[in-house]
Amino acid sequence: MKHELKICPLGFKALSSSKRNFDYRINDRDFHFGDRLIFSEYNMTTEKFTGKRVVKFINRVQPISGIMPPYVILHLSDFSPRRI
């Protein structure tokens, strides 16, 4: 499945340079292993998209118990994981 997500400039820079390989999100989209995430940089000051995008794939969805709403840590990679 494909998910299009907003991300702030600082987070975008970290993801696009591969300095960060995870994202912390509310699991309101039913994220799964192998899903493709398209992160679009969003400037909250101007309330506009910058046009920059980066594609990542979910390697693992790690639930965080005891937190409402249900947050998850999405472990990401640059390549689509193989389904066995």
Protein backbone atom coordinates (compact mmCIF):
# COMPACT_ATOMS: atom_id res chain seq x y z
CA MET A 1 0.00 0.00 0.00
CA LYS A 2 1.13 3.56 -0.64
CA HIS A 3 0.84 6.34 1.96
CA GLU A 4 1.47 10.03 1.27
CA LEU A 5 2.62 11.89 4.39
CA LYS A 6 3.59 15.44 5.33
CA ILE A 7 6.89 16.03 7.09
CA CYS A 8 8.56 19.16 8.45
CA PRO A 9 11.79 20.43 6.80
CA LEU A 10 14.05 19.21 9.63
CA GLY A 11 12.57 15.71 9.54
CA PHE A 12 12.70 15.69 5.75
CA LYS A 13 16.39 16.57 5.76
CA ALA A 14 17.16 13.71 8.19
CA LEU A 15 15.14 11.16 6.19
CA SER A 16 16.43 12.20 2.78
CA SER A 17 20.06 12.12 3.90
CA SER A 18 19.50 8.68 5.52
CA LYS A 19 20.61 10.02 8.92
CA ARG A 20 17.28 8.83 10.30
CA ASN A 21 15.75 5.47 9.43
CA PHE A 22 12.54 5.64 11.46
CA ASP A 23 9.45 7.76 11.91
CA TYR A 24 7.11 8.12 14.88
CA ARG A 25 3.41 8.37 13.90
CA ILE A 26 -0.15 7.78 15.02
CA ASN A 27 -1.20 4.50 13.42
CA ASP A 28 -4.31 5.97 11.82
CA ARG A 29 -3.48 4.54 8.39
CA ASP A 30 -3.01 0.89 9.36
CA PHE A 31 0.69 0.77 8.45
CA HIS A 32 2.16 -2.62 7.48
CA PHE A 33 5.47 -4.24 6.56
CA GLY A 34 6.38 -3.41 2.96
CA ASP A 35 4.18 -0.32 2.64
CA ARG A 36 5.61 2.52 0.56
CA LEU A 37 5.71 5.92 2.26
CA ILE A 38 6.02 9.09 0.22
CA PHE A 39 7.15 11.92 2.49
CA SER A 40 6.45 15.42 1.15
CA GLU A 41 8.26 18.32 2.79
CA TYR A 42 5.75 20.77 4.27
CA ASN A 43 6.68 24.24 5.50
CA MET A 44 4.39 24.97 8.46
CA THR A 45 5.27 28.67 8.46
CA THR A 46 4.06 29.25 4.90
CA GLU A 47 1.56 26.35 5.07
CA LYS A 48 2.77 25.11 1.67
CA PHE A 49 4.50 22.06 0.26
CA THR A 50 8.04 22.72 -0.97
CA GLY A 51 7.87 20.17 -3.80
CA LYS A 52 10.58 17.97 -2.27
CA ARG A 53 9.71 14.29 -1.77
CA VAL A 54 11.45 11.16 -0.55
CA VAL A 55 10.25 7.54 -0.76
CA LYS A 56 10.86 5.02 2.02
CA PHE A 57 9.59 1.51 2.76
CA ILE A 58 8.43 0.03 6.07
CA ASN A 59 10.65 -2.77 7.38
CA ARG A 60 8.88 -3.07 10.71
CA VAL A 61 5.96 -1.51 12.58
CA GLN A 62 6.70 -1.34 16.30
CA PRO A 63 3.66 -0.58 18.48
CA ILE A 64 4.17 1.52 21.58
CA SER A 65 1.89 0.12 24.26
CA GLY A 66 0.14 2.23 26.85
CA ILE A 67 -0.06 5.38 24.72
CA MET A 68 -3.37 6.63 23.37
CA PRO A 69 -3.97 7.14 20.49
CA PRO A 70 -1.93 4.19 19.25
CA TYR A 71 1.48 5.50 18.21
CA VAL A 72 3.98 3.34 16.35
CA ILE A 73 7.62 3.54 15.36
CA LEU A 74 8.03 2.84 11.66
CA HIS A 75 11.44 1.35 10.85
CA LEU A 76 12.28 2.50 7.32
CA SER A 77 14.59 1.62 4.43
CA ASP A 78 15.34 2.99 0.97
CA PHE A 79 14.44 -0.29 -0.71
CA SER A 80 11.32 -2.42 -0.73
CA PRO A 81 11.71 -5.36 1.68
CA ARG A 82 11.21 -8.81 0.24
CA ARG A 83 8.10 -10.60 1.40
CA ILE A 84 8.79 -14.21 2.32
